[in-house]
Structures are given as C-alpha cells and as structure tokens.
Amino acid sequence: MGHAYLIPIVIASYWFALKGGLLSSVAAGLLYSPHIPFQFAAMEMDKFIELFVYTVIGVITGILSGKLHKRTEEIYEAEERLHAADRLSSVGELAASVAHEIRNPLGSIKGAVEILEDDFPDDHPKYEFFSIIRNEVTRLNAIVEEFLGLSRSRKPARNPVVLNEVVRAVAMLVSFKARKRKVEIEVSVPGNLQILGDADLLKQAFLNILLNSVESIPNGGEISVTARDYQEYIVLEIEDTGAGVPEEYMKKMFDPFFSTKGSGTGLGLSIARRIVETHGGTITARSQVGEGTLMTMKFPKGSGTHG
C-alpha cells in the first residue's frame, strides 16, 4: 500500500511542476511516517529509503513536468504565429488584387467633387455635402492604404537606425491628433540606441501603435515612449493611459480585422507585428481596462534581414 503514495505525488508534479512535486512528496512523507516503527532499533532502512524516493520522484517529475509545460506553451505560441502569418498572407493576396481596383475610382470621385465644388459658393446649403464626400473618400483611401500595407512583403533593409530619431519623427506625425484629444506624448529614448533595419518600415509600425494609443484616449491623457539597452537586445515600450482592452480580447489584439473601436480596419497592429517580426523582434501587449495599455517591442542587436 505504501506505493500508493506515489500516485498523488506524480499527479501534483504534473499539474504544478516542481513546486507541486516538492509539496506533495513532503505531504506523502508525513502521511507515511506513522508506518515507521517508533523504536529506532526496530526501524527498517528501506522505510527511510522510501521516504527519500518519494522526494526524488516528486522533484524529478516536477522538473520534467515544468519543462513539458514550457515546451507546450512554446509550441502553442509558435502555432498561433503560424496561423497569424497564414491569415496575413491570405489577406495580403486579397488586398493586392482589390486595393488597386478601388484606388482609381476613389481618385476619380475626389477629382470630380473638387471640380463641382468650385461651382458652389461656401454659403450654399448643399456645399457641406462636398466636404462630407471628400472626407469619406479620404477615409476609404486610408483603408485601402492599410490593405496595401498587408500586401507589401519586401524584406527590411539592413541599415543602422537611430531609434530616437524614428520615434520622434512618428511622435511629430501624430502630434496634431494628440493635441486635439489633449494627449501628451513623452519620448525618452537615448540618442545612442541603434538597430539594423528599415527606418521607413519601423516608422510605419510605430505610427500604427501610437495612433492606436492616441485613439484609446478620448478626453486627455498621456503616452510615454521609452527604450532600454540590454546586452543582447533593445526594448522599446509605448504605454498609454487610455481605456485599456478587456482580458478576453487580448489574444486577438494582433489578429487582422480585429478592432475594439467602432471605426477602424483592425489592420494596424497586425501590420506592426509583422514589421517587428521581420526585424527579428517580438511584440507583446499588456492592458487593463480603465488604466491603459503597454506595448513592448524587443529587437535583437544587429537585427534586420538583407533586402
């Protein structure tokens, strides 16, 4: 019957890894101790050996279980990245064929509206409709550009990129929209931080993330952009004080067409992740409703691929 104590040890080790293995083996030893004779002379050495074996089994099973869980998580994350890449590839093919067919008519509509607009004075009751048409055409054209962003599969250039310069250029681009929403953007990126990559693509990725942050703050707030230098990689973080993202949506944040906003294509973060990953980096998100979102990008030093 003594060997029955091994069953909860193995189960606990599998469920809770090393910690579960140690605790369960100690508990099993305490429960098994009454079976050991109280008189030292009558004690059997194999009883002590069994107690020792319980601990060894718990530790070994816990270590193996921990490695198994970690490996399972890595496989799951790899599968998720592959699925996301497949979805992006499919969307890119569709975007390439559809977007070009849409851009030409949009250009014609915008040109025709501008011509007709000249025939109406500013105070004409129907003049405002021209503004509505122009704004909607501009919005549709922006959506088409995002679709085209998915179809561009060029590899990033391998050039030294000063992160401070790229980040500040992007912050300047979104400054007007940020001021309208009373959002302050603080950039704290050391001027000596560089990675190898494509400055234009990185600007696109950072722009998508910063715009997302600005749009998550409707009535004033802050966005901080910081970077740190580690031995093997550089970490860039963009943190906002926006509305945050519910936990159930976090796993879908980087999926194409997923958006928590009423208007939006849900392509911005997908494109940003693809650009970061083509630079050999990773991007993760942490968010809490009502407190904001933190986007963390990790770039290996000397990253980037030939293109």
C-alpha atoms as a PDB file:
ATOM      1  CA  MET A   1       0.000   0.000   0.000  1.00  0.00           C
ATOM      2  CA  GLY A   2       2.990   2.337   0.576  1.00  0.00           C
ATOM      3  CA  HIS A   3       3.490   2.716  -3.140  1.00  0.00           C
ATOM      4  CA  ALA A   4       0.007   4.249  -3.445  1.00  0.00           C
ATOM      5  CA  TYR A   5       1.533   7.467  -2.110  1.00  0.00           C
ATOM      6  CA  LEU A   6       3.310   7.829  -5.458  1.00  0.00           C
ATOM      7  CA  ILE A   7       0.024   8.495  -7.271  1.00  0.00           C
ATOM      8  CA  PRO A   8      -0.751  11.931  -5.713  1.00  0.00           C
ATOM      9  CA  ILE A   9       2.935  12.884  -5.982  1.00  0.00           C
ATOM     10  CA  VAL A  10       3.002  12.225  -9.728  1.00  0.00           C
ATOM     11  CA  ILE A  11      -0.351  13.975 -10.265  1.00  0.00           C
ATOM     12  CA  ALA A  12       0.648  17.047  -8.251  1.00  0.00           C
ATOM     13  CA  SER A  13       4.008  17.199 -10.023  1.00  0.00           C
ATOM     14  CA  TYR A  14       2.300  17.102 -13.399  1.00  0.00           C
ATOM     15  CA  TRP A  15      -0.211  19.809 -12.519  1.00  0.00           C
ATOM     16  CA  PHE A  16       2.001  22.172 -10.518  1.00  0.00           C
ATOM     17  CA  ALA A  17       5.537  21.279 -11.721  1.00  0.00           C
ATOM     18  CA  LEU A  18       8.447  21.403  -9.236  1.00  0.00           C
ATOM     19  CA  LYS A  19       6.544  23.230  -6.503  1.00  0.00           C
ATOM     20  CA  GLY A  20       3.751  20.665  -6.588  1.00  0.00           C
ATOM     21  CA  GLY A  21       6.233  17.796  -6.621  1.00  0.00           C
ATOM     22  CA  LEU A  22       8.076  19.036  -3.534  1.00  0.00           C
ATOM     23  CA  LEU A  23       4.954  19.808  -1.530  1.00  0.00           C
ATOM     24  CA  SER A  24       3.233  16.555  -2.421  1.00  0.00           C
ATOM     25  CA  SER A  25       6.331  14.453  -1.615  1.00  0.00           C
ATOM     26  CA  VAL A  26       6.697  16.165   1.784  1.00  0.00           C
ATOM     27  CA  ALA A  27       2.994  15.620   2.482  1.00  0.00           C
ATOM     28  CA  ALA A  28       3.263  11.968   1.439  1.00  0.00           C
ATOM     29  CA  GLY A  29       6.276  11.533   3.712  1.00  0.00           C
ATOM     30  CA  LEU A  30       4.377  12.964   6.682  1.00  0.00           C
ATOM     31  CA  LEU A  31       1.392  10.736   5.996  1.00  0.00           C
ATOM     32  CA  TYR A  32       3.630   7.696   5.574  1.00  0.00           C
ATOM     33  CA  SER A  33       5.706   8.315   8.731  1.00  0.00           C
ATOM     34  CA  PRO A  34       3.240   6.576  11.112  1.00  0.00           C
ATOM     35  CA  HIS A  35       4.029   3.328   9.323  1.00  0.00           C
ATOM     36  CA  ILE A  36       7.657   3.575  10.504  1.00  0.00           C
ATOM     37  CA  PRO A  37       8.248   1.854  13.891  1.00  0.00           C
ATOM     38  CA  PHE A  38       8.823   4.264  16.794  1.00  0.00           C
ATOM     39  CA  GLN A  39      11.726   2.304  18.213  1.00  0.00           C
ATOM     40  CA  PHE A  40      14.945   3.146  16.391  1.00  0.00           C
ATOM     41  CA  ALA A  41      16.285  -0.370  16.742  1.00  0.00           C
ATOM     42  CA  ALA A  42      13.296  -1.800  15.010  1.00  0.00           C
ATOM     43  CA  MET A  43      13.318   0.642  12.132  1.00  0.00           C
ATOM     44  CA  GLU A  44      13.791  -0.753   8.706  1.00  0.00           C
ATOM     45  CA  MET A  45      16.227   1.056   6.475  1.00  0.00           C
ATOM     46  CA  ASP A  46      14.002   0.573   3.439  1.00  0.00           C
ATOM     47  CA  LYS A  47      11.343   2.772   5.060  1.00  0.00           C
ATOM     48  CA  PHE A  48      13.721   5.714   5.078  1.00  0.00           C
ATOM     49  CA  ILE A  49      14.734   4.889   1.541  1.00  0.00           C
ATOM     50  CA  GLU A  50      11.077   5.004   0.506  1.00  0.00           C
ATOM     51  CA  LEU A  51      10.696   8.466   2.037  1.00  0.00           C
ATOM     52  CA  PHE A  52      13.778   9.612   0.153  1.00  0.00           C
ATOM     53  CA  VAL A  53      12.472   8.066  -3.058  1.00  0.00           C
ATOM     54  CA  TYR A  54       9.185   9.979  -2.661  1.00  0.00           C
ATOM     55  CA  THR A  55      11.107  13.243  -2.597  1.00  0.00           C
ATOM     56  CA  VAL A  56      13.326  12.306  -5.542  1.00  0.00           C
ATOM     57  CA  ILE A  57      10.332  11.226  -7.627  1.00  0.00           C
ATOM     58  CA  GLY A  58       8.489  14.443  -6.762  1.00  0.00           C
ATOM     59  CA  VAL A  59      11.468  16.622  -7.717  1.00  0.00           C
ATOM     60  CA  ILE A  60      12.281  14.780 -10.960  1.00  0.00           C
ATOM     61  CA  THR A  61       8.641  14.590 -12.067  1.00  0.00           C
ATOM     62  CA  GLY A  62       8.152  18.252 -11.189  1.00  0.00           C
ATOM     63  CA  ILE A  63      11.191  19.345 -13.208  1.00  0.00           C
ATOM     64  CA  LEU A  64      10.162  17.251 -16.218  1.00  0.00           C
ATOM     65  CA  SER A  65       6.587  18.483 -15.956  1.00  0.00           C
ATOM     66  CA  GLY A  66       7.747  22.098 -15.814  1.00  0.00           C
ATOM     67  CA  LYS A  67       9.828  21.614 -18.949  1.00  0.00           C
ATOM     68  CA  LEU A  68       6.907  19.884 -20.655  1.00  0.00           C
ATOM     69  CA  HIS A  69       4.531  22.741 -19.808  1.00  0.00           C
ATOM     70  CA  LYS A  70       7.040  25.309 -21.054  1.00  0.00           C
ATOM     71  CA  ARG A  71       7.598  23.391 -24.273  1.00  0.00           C
ATOM     72  CA  THR A  72       3.843  23.034 -24.777  1.00  0.00           C
ATOM     73  CA  GLU A  73       3.399  26.784 -24.378  1.00  0.00           C
ATOM     74  CA  GLU A  74       6.188  27.447 -26.877  1.00  0.00           C
ATOM     75  CA  ILE A  75       4.588  25.102 -29.402  1.00  0.00           C
ATOM     76  CA  TYR A  76       1.203  26.751 -28.864  1.00  0.00           C
ATOM     77  CA  GLU A  77       2.683  30.231 -29.364  1.00  0.00           C
ATOM     78  CA  ALA A  78       4.508  29.054 -32.494  1.00  0.00           C
ATOM     79  CA  GLU A  79       1.276  27.639 -33.891  1.00  0.00           C
ATOM     80  CA  GLU A  80      -0.508  30.928 -33.154  1.00  0.00           C
ATOM     81  CA  ARG A  81       2.216  32.852 -35.007  1.00  0.00           C
ATOM     82  CA  LEU A  82       1.953  30.478 -37.960  1.00  0.00           C
ATOM     83  CA  HIS A  83      -1.819  30.837 -38.079  1.00  0.00           C
ATOM     84  CA  ALA A  84      -1.498  34.614 -37.904  1.00  0.00           C
ATOM     85  CA  ALA A  85       1.088  34.544 -40.693  1.00  0.00           C
ATOM     86  CA  ASP A  86      -1.233  32.415 -42.836  1.00  0.00           C
ATOM     87  CA  ARG A  87      -4.107  34.825 -42.243  1.00  0.00           C
ATOM     88  CA  LEU A  88      -1.913  37.803 -43.105  1.00  0.00           C
ATOM     89  CA  SER A  89      -0.702  36.079 -46.237  1.00  0.00           C
ATOM     90  CA  SER A  90      -4.267  35.382 -47.386  1.00  0.00           C
ATOM     91  CA  VAL A  91      -5.351  38.915 -46.593  1.00  0.00           C
ATOM     92  CA  GLY A  92      -2.304  40.285 -48.406  1.00  0.00           C
ATOM     93  CA  GLU A  93      -3.154  38.407 -51.580  1.00  0.00           C
ATOM     94  CA  LEU A  94      -6.729  39.658 -51.424  1.00  0.00           C
ATOM     95  CA  ALA A  95      -5.596  43.198 -50.663  1.00  0.00           C
ATOM     96  CA  ALA A  96      -3.228  43.301 -53.624  1.00  0.00           C
ATOM     97  CA  SER A  97      -5.974  42.367 -56.073  1.00  0.00           C
ATOM     98  CA  VAL A  98      -8.762  44.512 -54.606  1.00  0.00           C
ATOM     99  CA  ALA A  99      -6.997  47.642 -53.382  1.00  0.00           C
ATOM    100  CA  HIS A 100      -5.678  48.714 -56.785  1.00  0.00           C
ATOM    101  CA  GLU A 101      -9.148  48.356 -58.286  1.00  0.00           C
ATOM    102  CA  ILE A 102     -10.567  50.637 -55.596  1.00  0.00           C
ATOM    103  CA  ARG A 103      -7.934  53.384 -55.605  1.00  0.00           C
ATOM    104  CA  ASN A 104      -8.573  54.538 -59.180  1.00  0.00           C
ATOM    105  CA  PRO A 105     -12.324  55.123 -58.744  1.00  0.00           C
ATOM    106  CA  LEU A 106     -11.666  56.890 -55.446  1.00  0.00           C
ATOM    107  CA  GLY A 107      -9.243  59.256 -57.163  1.00  0.00           C
ATOM    108  CA  SER A 108     -11.808  59.960 -59.875  1.00  0.00           C
ATOM    109  CA  ILE A 109     -14.545  60.668 -57.323  1.00  0.00           C
ATOM    110  CA  LYS A 110     -12.319  63.043 -55.363  1.00  0.00           C
ATOM    111  CA  GLY A 111     -11.302  64.900 -58.517  1.00  0.00           C
ATOM    112  CA  ALA A 112     -14.904  65.227 -59.708  1.00  0.00           C
ATOM    113  CA  VAL A 113     -16.020  66.551 -56.317  1.00  0.00           C
ATOM    114  CA  GLU A 114     -13.270  69.180 -56.315  1.00  0.00           C
ATOM    115  CA  ILE A 115     -14.365  70.357 -59.768  1.00  0.00           C
ATOM    116  CA  LEU A 116     -18.052  70.534 -58.784  1.00  0.00           C
ATOM    117  CA  GLU A 117     -17.140  72.275 -55.540  1.00  0.00           C
ATOM    118  CA  ASP A 118     -15.856  75.295 -57.478  1.00  0.00           C
ATOM    119  CA  ASP A 119     -19.358  75.900 -58.909  1.00  0.00           C
ATOM    120  CA  PHE A 120     -20.950  76.371 -55.464  1.00  0.00           C
ATOM    121  CA  PRO A 121     -20.329  79.263 -53.052  1.00  0.00           C
ATOM    122  CA  ASP A 122     -19.301  78.469 -49.499  1.00  0.00           C
ATOM    123  CA  ASP A 123     -22.688  79.547 -48.152  1.00  0.00           C
ATOM    124  CA  HIS A 124     -24.681  77.289 -50.478  1.00  0.00           C
ATOM    125  CA  PRO A 125     -26.927  74.880 -48.470  1.00  0.00           C
ATOM    126  CA  LYS A 126     -25.500  71.881 -50.313  1.00  0.00           C
ATOM    127  CA  TYR A 127     -21.849  72.927 -50.069  1.00  0.00           C
ATOM    128  CA  GLU A 128     -21.330  70.903 -46.886  1.00  0.00           C
ATOM    129  CA  PHE A 129     -22.068  67.683 -48.776  1.00  0.00           C
ATOM    130  CA  PHE A 130     -18.903  68.147 -50.815  1.00  0.00           C
ATOM    131  CA  SER A 131     -16.922  68.198 -47.581  1.00  0.00           C
ATOM    132  CA  ILE A 132     -18.649  65.001 -46.457  1.00  0.00           C
ATOM    133  CA  ILE A 133     -17.809  63.275 -49.749  1.00  0.00           C
ATOM    134  CA  ARG A 134     -14.175  64.402 -49.613  1.00  0.00           C
ATOM    135  CA  ASN A 135     -13.776  63.229 -46.028  1.00  0.00           C
ATOM    136  CA  GLU A 136     -15.308  59.836 -46.764  1.00  0.00           C
ATOM    137  CA  VAL A 137     -13.152  59.392 -49.865  1.00  0.00           C
ATOM    138  CA  THR A 138     -10.080  60.240 -47.782  1.00  0.00           C
ATOM    139  CA  ARG A 139     -11.139  57.713 -45.147  1.00  0.00           C
ATOM    140  CA  LEU A 140     -11.680  54.989 -47.757  1.00  0.00           C
ATOM    141  CA  ASN A 141      -8.323  55.773 -49.313  1.00  0.00           C
ATOM    142  CA  ALA A 142      -6.669  55.366 -45.892  1.00  0.00           C
ATOM    143  CA  ILE A 143      -8.314  51.961 -45.526  1.00  0.00           C
ATOM    144  CA  VAL A 144      -7.037  50.960 -48.968  1.00  0.00           C
ATOM    145  CA  GLU A 145      -3.535  52.038 -47.956  1.00  0.00           C
ATOM    146  CA  GLU A 146      -3.734  49.765 -44.921  1.00  0.00           C
ATOM    147  CA  PHE A 147      -4.779  46.881 -47.140  1.00  0.00           C
ATOM    148  CA  LEU A 148      -1.819  47.587 -49.392  1.00  0.00           C
ATOM    149  CA  GLY A 149       0.387  47.547 -46.319  1.00  0.00           C
ATOM    150  CA  LEU A 150      -0.501  43.896 -45.863  1.00  0.00           C
ATOM    151  CA  SER A 151       0.378  43.048 -49.454  1.00  0.00           C
ATOM    152  CA  ARG A 152       3.841  44.625 -49.319  1.00  0.00           C
ATOM    153  CA  SER A 153       6.118  41.766 -48.405  1.00  0.00           C
ATOM    154  CA  ARG A 154       9.506  43.340 -49.092  1.00  0.00           C
ATOM    155  CA  LYS A 155      12.228  42.466 -46.649  1.00  0.00           C
ATOM    156  CA  PRO A 156      13.524  45.263 -44.442  1.00  0.00           C
ATOM    157  CA  ALA A 157      16.756  46.985 -45.400  1.00  0.00           C
ATOM    158  CA  ARG A 158      19.794  46.390 -43.215  1.00  0.00           C
ATOM    159  CA  ASN A 159      20.847  49.875 -42.238  1.00  0.00           C
ATOM    160  CA  PRO A 160      21.700  51.488 -38.895  1.00  0.00           C
ATOM    161  CA  VAL A 161      18.517  53.049 -37.497  1.00  0.00           C
ATOM    162  CA  VAL A 162      18.674  55.580 -34.662  1.00  0.00           C
ATOM    163  CA  LEU A 163      15.575  54.793 -32.596  1.00  0.00           C
ATOM    164  CA  ASN A 164      15.348  58.247 -31.063  1.00  0.00           C
ATOM    165  CA  GLU A 165      15.111  59.895 -34.500  1.00  0.00           C
ATOM    166  CA  VAL A 166      12.485  57.463 -35.772  1.00  0.00           C
ATOM    167  CA  VAL A 167      10.333  57.677 -32.652  1.00  0.00           C
ATOM    168  CA  ARG A 168      10.424  61.478 -32.534  1.00  0.00           C
ATOM    169  CA  ALA A 169       9.513  61.686 -36.231  1.00  0.00           C
ATOM    170  CA  VAL A 170       6.488  59.462 -35.620  1.00  0.00           C
ATOM    171  CA  ALA A 171       5.510  61.425 -32.497  1.00  0.00           C
ATOM    172  CA  MET A 172       5.549  64.587 -34.613  1.00  0.00           C
ATOM    173  CA  LEU A 173       3.224  62.974 -37.159  1.00  0.00           C
ATOM    174  CA  VAL A 174       0.589  62.185 -34.539  1.00  0.00           C
ATOM    175  CA  SER A 175       1.078  65.392 -32.516  1.00  0.00           C
ATOM    176  CA  PHE A 176      -1.836  67.213 -34.158  1.00  0.00           C
ATOM    177  CA  LYS A 177      -4.289  64.430 -33.421  1.00  0.00           C
ATOM    178  CA  ALA A 178      -2.856  64.096 -29.922  1.00  0.00           C
ATOM    179  CA  ARG A 179      -3.355  67.807 -29.191  1.00  0.00           C
ATOM    180  CA  LYS A 180      -6.980  67.609 -30.324  1.00  0.00           C
ATOM    181  CA  ARG A 181      -7.543  64.855 -27.755  1.00  0.00           C
ATOM    182  CA  LYS A 182      -5.442  66.633 -25.102  1.00  0.00           C
ATOM    183  CA  VAL A 183      -2.903  63.818 -25.097  1.00  0.00           C
ATOM    184  CA  GLU A 184       0.704  64.479 -24.094  1.00  0.00           C
ATOM    185  CA  ILE A 185       3.389  62.311 -25.697  1.00  0.00           C
ATOM    186  CA  GLU A 186       6.645  61.982 -23.789  1.00  0.00           C
ATOM    187  CA  VAL A 187       9.618  60.434 -25.568  1.00  0.00           C
ATOM    188  CA  SER A 188      12.518  59.145 -23.502  1.00  0.00           C
ATOM    189  CA  VAL A 189      14.769  57.238 -25.876  1.00  0.00           C
ATOM    190  CA  PRO A 190      18.576  57.523 -25.524  1.00  0.00           C
ATOM    191  CA  GLY A 191      20.156  59.004 -28.618  1.00  0.00           C
ATOM    192  CA  ASN A 192      22.800  56.288 -28.909  1.00  0.00           C
ATOM    193  CA  LEU A 193      20.394  53.345 -29.332  1.00  0.00           C
ATOM    194  CA  GLN A 194      20.538  51.783 -32.795  1.00  0.00           C
ATOM    195  CA  ILE A 195      19.303  48.646 -34.501  1.00  0.00           C
ATOM    196  CA  LEU A 196      19.868  47.377 -38.014  1.00  0.00           C
ATOM    197  CA  GLY A 197      16.732  47.586 -40.084  1.00  0.00           C
ATOM    198  CA  ASP A 198      14.437  49.634 -42.288  1.00  0.00           C
ATOM    199  CA  ALA A 199      13.621  53.104 -40.942  1.00  0.00           C
ATOM    200  CA  ASP A 200      10.533  53.512 -43.152  1.00  0.00           C
ATOM    201  CA  LEU A 201       9.013  50.210 -42.081  1.00  0.00           C
ATOM    202  CA  LEU A 202       9.782  50.880 -38.425  1.00  0.00           C
ATOM    203  CA  LYS A 203       8.108  54.279 -38.717  1.00  0.00           C
ATOM    204  CA  GLN A 204       5.020  52.565 -40.096  1.00  0.00           C
ATOM    205  CA  ALA A 205       4.956  50.079 -37.216  1.00  0.00           C
ATOM    206  CA  PHE A 206       5.476  52.737 -34.518  1.00  0.00           C
ATOM    207  CA  LEU A 207       2.932  55.035 -36.201  1.00  0.00           C
ATOM    208  CA  ASN A 208       0.252  52.336 -36.130  1.00  0.00           C
ATOM    209  CA  ILE A 209       0.883  51.694 -32.434  1.00  0.00           C
ATOM    210  CA  LEU A 210       0.998  55.386 -31.460  1.00  0.00           C
ATOM    211  CA  LEU A 211      -2.199  56.147 -33.377  1.00  0.00           C
ATOM    212  CA  ASN A 212      -3.858  53.248 -31.625  1.00  0.00           C
ATOM    213  CA  SER A 213      -2.745  54.664 -28.270  1.00  0.00           C
ATOM    214  CA  VAL A 214      -3.940  58.191 -29.086  1.00  0.00           C
ATOM    215  CA  GLU A 215      -7.340  56.930 -30.228  1.00  0.00           C
ATOM    216  CA  SER A 216      -7.743  54.980 -26.985  1.00  0.00           C
ATOM    217  CA  ILE A 217      -7.612  58.252 -25.004  1.00  0.00           C
ATOM    218  CA  PRO A 218     -10.782  60.260 -25.717  1.00  0.00           C
ATOM    219  CA  ASN A 219     -10.554  63.038 -23.106  1.00  0.00           C
ATOM    220  CA  GLY A 220      -6.959  63.741 -22.226  1.00  0.00           C
ATOM    221  CA  GLY A 221      -4.143  61.542 -21.032  1.00  0.00           C
ATOM    222  CA  GLU A 222      -0.518  60.601 -21.511  1.00  0.00           C
ATOM    223  CA  ILE A 223       1.598  58.379 -23.726  1.00  0.00           C
ATOM    224  CA  SER A 224       5.178  57.544 -22.802  1.00  0.00           C
ATOM    225  CA  VAL A 225       7.712  56.083 -25.217  1.00  0.00           C
ATOM    226  CA  THR A 226      10.804  54.664 -23.543  1.00  0.00           C
ATOM    227  CA  ALA A 227      13.716  52.449 -24.567  1.00  0.00           C
ATOM    228  CA  ARG A 228      16.311  50.466 -22.657  1.00  0.00           C
ATOM    229  CA  ASP A 229      19.566  48.911 -23.740  1.00  0.00           C
ATOM    230  CA  TYR A 230      20.337  45.345 -22.702  1.00  0.00           C
ATOM    231  CA  GLN A 231      23.346  43.228 -23.567  1.00  0.00           C
ATOM    232  CA  GLU A 232      21.747  41.305 -26.428  1.00  0.00           C
ATOM    233  CA  TYR A 233      18.645  43.316 -27.303  1.00  0.00           C
ATOM    234  CA  ILE A 234      16.900  46.676 -27.108  1.00  0.00           C
ATOM    235  CA  VAL A 235      13.433  47.098 -25.620  1.00  0.00           C
ATOM    236  CA  LEU A 236      11.068  49.835 -26.807  1.00  0.00           C
ATOM    237  CA  GLU A 237       7.870  50.417 -24.820  1.00  0.00           C
ATOM    238  CA  ILE A 238       4.816  52.515 -25.686  1.00  0.00           C
ATOM    239  CA  GLU A 239       2.478  52.972 -22.738  1.00  0.00           C
ATOM    240  CA  ASP A 240      -0.772  54.936 -22.679  1.00  0.00           C
ATOM    241  CA  THR A 241      -3.364  55.902 -20.086  1.00  0.00           C
ATOM    242  CA  GLY A 242      -6.247  55.006 -22.366  1.00  0.00           C
ATOM    243  CA  ALA A 243      -9.366  52.923 -21.937  1.00  0.00           C
ATOM    244  CA  GLY A 244      -7.474  49.623 -21.957  1.00  0.00           C
ATOM    245  CA  VAL A 245      -8.501  46.321 -23.524  1.00  0.00           C
ATOM    246  CA  PRO A 246     -10.645  43.652 -21.831  1.00  0.00           C
ATOM    247  CA  GLU A 247      -8.766  40.470 -20.978  1.00  0.00           C
ATOM    248  CA  GLU A 248     -10.911  38.328 -23.273  1.00  0.00           C
ATOM    249  CA  TYR A 249      -9.758  40.403 -26.278  1.00  0.00           C
ATOM    250  CA  MET A 250      -6.032  40.382 -25.532  1.00  0.00           C
ATOM    251  CA  LYS A 251      -5.248  37.237 -27.546  1.00  0.00           C
ATOM    252  CA  LYS A 252      -6.919  38.774 -30.607  1.00  0.00           C
ATOM    253  CA  MET A 253      -5.219  42.175 -30.489  1.00  0.00           C
ATOM    254  CA  PHE A 254      -2.806  41.404 -33.324  1.00  0.00           C
ATOM    255  CA  ASP A 255      -5.283  39.457 -35.475  1.00  0.00           C
ATOM    256  CA  PRO A 256      -6.187  41.009 -38.845  1.00  0.00           C
ATOM    257  CA  PHE A 257      -9.559  42.837 -38.830  1.00  0.00           C
ATOM    258  CA  PHE A 258      -9.932  42.667 -35.059  1.00  0.00           C
ATOM    259  CA  SER A 259     -10.741  46.054 -33.550  1.00  0.00           C
ATOM    260  CA  THR A 260     -12.396  47.281 -30.367  1.00  0.00           C
ATOM    261  CA  LYS A 261     -13.092  50.641 -32.000  1.00  0.00           C
ATOM    262  CA  GLY A 262     -16.340  51.443 -33.763  1.00  0.00           C
ATOM    263  CA  SER A 263     -14.444  52.652 -36.827  1.00  0.00           C
ATOM    264  CA  GLY A 264     -11.231  51.039 -37.957  1.00  0.00           C
ATOM    265  CA  THR A 265      -9.997  48.182 -40.066  1.00  0.00           C
ATOM    266  CA  GLY A 266      -8.206  46.250 -37.337  1.00  0.00           C
ATOM    267  CA  LEU A 267      -5.108  46.042 -39.529  1.00  0.00           C
ATOM    268  CA  GLY A 268      -2.772  48.497 -37.783  1.00  0.00           C
ATOM    269  CA  LEU A 269      -1.451  46.216 -35.049  1.00  0.00           C
ATOM    270  CA  SER A 270      -1.280  43.252 -37.442  1.00  0.00           C
ATOM    271  CA  ILE A 271       0.973  45.239 -39.743  1.00  0.00           C
ATOM    272  CA  ALA A 272       3.035  46.476 -36.793  1.00  0.00           C
ATOM    273  CA  ARG A 273       3.633  42.944 -35.537  1.00  0.00           C
ATOM    274  CA  ARG A 274       4.647  41.728 -38.979  1.00  0.00           C
ATOM    275  CA  ILE A 275       7.168  44.562 -39.351  1.00  0.00           C
ATOM    276  CA  VAL A 276       8.642  43.965 -35.898  1.00  0.00           C
ATOM    277  CA  GLU A 277       8.950  40.224 -36.533  1.00  0.00           C
ATOM    278  CA  THR A 278      10.611  40.738 -39.933  1.00  0.00           C
ATOM    279  CA  HIS A 279      13.243  42.697 -37.997  1.00  0.00           C
ATOM    280  CA  GLY A 280      13.830  39.644 -35.830  1.00  0.00           C
ATOM    281  CA  GLY A 281      11.936  41.167 -32.918  1.00  0.00           C
ATOM    282  CA  THR A 282       8.886  40.372 -30.823  1.00  0.00           C
ATOM    283  CA  ILE A 283       5.926  42.467 -29.703  1.00  0.00           C
ATOM    284  CA  THR A 284       3.689  41.827 -26.710  1.00  0.00           C
ATOM    285  CA  ALA A 285       0.842  43.721 -25.059  1.00  0.00           C
ATOM    286  CA  ARG A 286      -0.359  44.132 -21.510  1.00  0.00           C
ATOM    287  CA  SER A 287      -3.548  46.017 -20.745  1.00  0.00           C
ATOM    288  CA  GLN A 288      -6.050  46.732 -18.012  1.00  0.00           C
ATOM    289  CA  VAL A 289      -9.459  48.267 -18.527  1.00  0.00           C
ATOM    290  CA  GLY A 290      -9.556  51.843 -17.301  1.00  0.00           C
ATOM    291  CA  GLU A 291      -5.799  52.081 -16.768  1.00  0.00           C
ATOM    292  CA  GLY A 292      -4.252  51.802 -20.227  1.00  0.00           C
ATOM    293  CA  THR A 293      -2.103  49.572 -22.405  1.00  0.00           C
ATOM    294  CA  LEU A 294       1.599  48.792 -22.576  1.00  0.00           C
ATOM    295  CA  MET A 295       3.117  47.637 -25.888  1.00  0.00           C
ATOM    296  CA  THR A 296       6.594  46.112 -25.571  1.00  0.00           C
ATOM    297  CA  MET A 297       8.861  45.551 -28.569  1.00  0.00           C
ATOM    298  CA  LYS A 298      12.119  43.677 -28.233  1.00  0.00           C
ATOM    299  CA  PHE A 299      14.718  43.994 -31.008  1.00  0.00           C
ATOM    300  CA  PRO A 300      17.908  41.928 -31.039  1.00  0.00           C
ATOM    301  CA  LYS A 301      21.036  43.961 -31.612  1.00  0.00           C
ATOM    302  CA  GLY A 302      22.210  43.557 -35.157  1.00  0.00           C
ATOM    303  CA  SER A 303      18.663  42.636 -36.216  1.00  0.00           C
ATOM    304  CA  GLY A 304      17.234  43.025 -39.671  1.00  0.00           C
ATOM    305  CA  THR A 305      17.471  40.941 -42.824  1.00  0.00           C
ATOM    306  CA  HIS A 306      19.030  41.617 -46.167  1.00  0.00           C
ATOM    307  CA  GLY A 307      16.704  43.140 -48.677  1.00  0.00           C
END
